Amino acid sequence: MRKTKCDYEGNCNNKAYAEVYPSLLGGKYKGRGWSYLCKKHYSQELKRFKEKLPSYIIK
């Protein structure tokens, strides 16, 4: 299995912690696709999306 890296704004190379799906929120996020985030950026996005960010934690 290939190690996935965080793709936050295209400039983070940390190991991915979660796969997130903001498009499932609908509204203005409907057009956004999924992405991989490291722990730091995942917690940052949770705060931004008010802790309702659909995601899957990578083990």
Protein backbone atom coordinates (compact mmCIF):
# COMPACT_ATOMS: atom_id res chain seq x y z
CA MET A 1 0.00 0.00 0.00
CA ARG A 2 1.26 3.42 -0.93
CA LYS A 3 1.74 5.96 1.87
CA THR A 4 -0.62 8.86 1.34
CA LYS A 5 0.49 12.41 2.06
CA CYS A 6 -1.52 15.40 3.23
CA ASP A 7 -2.64 17.55 0.29
CA TYR A 8 -3.67 20.66 2.24
CA GLU A 9 -3.31 23.58 -0.18
CA GLY A 10 -0.72 21.53 -2.07
CA ASN A 11 2.17 22.39 0.24
CA CYS A 12 2.10 19.88 3.14
CA ASN A 13 4.05 16.64 2.98
CA ASN A 14 3.01 15.11 6.33
CA LYS A 15 1.55 11.60 6.50
CA ALA A 16 -2.22 11.60 5.91
CA TYR A 17 -4.40 11.04 8.97
CA ALA A 18 -7.92 11.42 7.52
CA GLU A 19 -9.74 11.35 4.22
CA VAL A 20 -12.33 14.14 4.22
CA TYR A 21 -15.44 14.70 2.11
CA PRO A 22 -16.63 18.33 2.36
CA SER A 23 -18.86 17.80 -0.69
CA LEU A 24 -21.22 15.75 1.53
CA LEU A 25 -22.04 18.93 3.45
CA GLY A 26 -23.78 20.38 0.39
CA GLY A 27 -24.36 24.10 -0.05
CA LYS A 28 -21.28 26.05 -1.10
CA TYR A 29 -19.11 22.95 -0.53
CA LYS A 30 -21.04 20.78 -3.00
CA GLY A 31 -18.41 21.17 -5.72
CA ARG A 32 -15.43 20.31 -3.49
CA GLY A 33 -13.99 16.85 -3.82
CA TRP A 34 -12.36 14.68 -1.19
CA SER A 35 -8.85 15.19 0.12
CA TYR A 36 -6.31 13.76 2.54
CA LEU A 37 -5.26 15.73 5.62
CA CYS A 38 -2.60 15.24 8.28
CA LYS A 39 -3.59 15.45 11.97
CA LYS A 40 -2.70 19.15 12.21
CA HIS A 41 -4.72 20.22 9.18
CA TYR A 42 -7.58 17.86 10.02
CA SER A 43 -8.10 19.52 13.41
CA GLN A 44 -7.81 22.92 11.75
CA GLU A 45 -10.55 22.01 9.25
CA LEU A 46 -12.77 20.56 12.01
CA LYS A 47 -12.77 23.98 13.67
CA ARG A 48 -13.51 25.67 10.36
CA PHE A 49 -16.43 23.37 9.52
CA LYS A 50 -17.79 23.49 13.11
CA GLU A 51 -16.97 19.82 13.81
CA LYS A 52 -19.40 18.37 11.25
CA LEU A 53 -16.83 17.50 8.60
CA PRO A 54 -17.58 14.09 7.02
CA SER A 55 -14.39 12.06 7.14
CA TYR A 56 -12.74 8.67 7.48
CA ILE A 57 -9.76 8.25 9.81
CA ILE A 58 -6.94 6.33 8.12
CA LYS A 59 -5.42 3.58 10.23
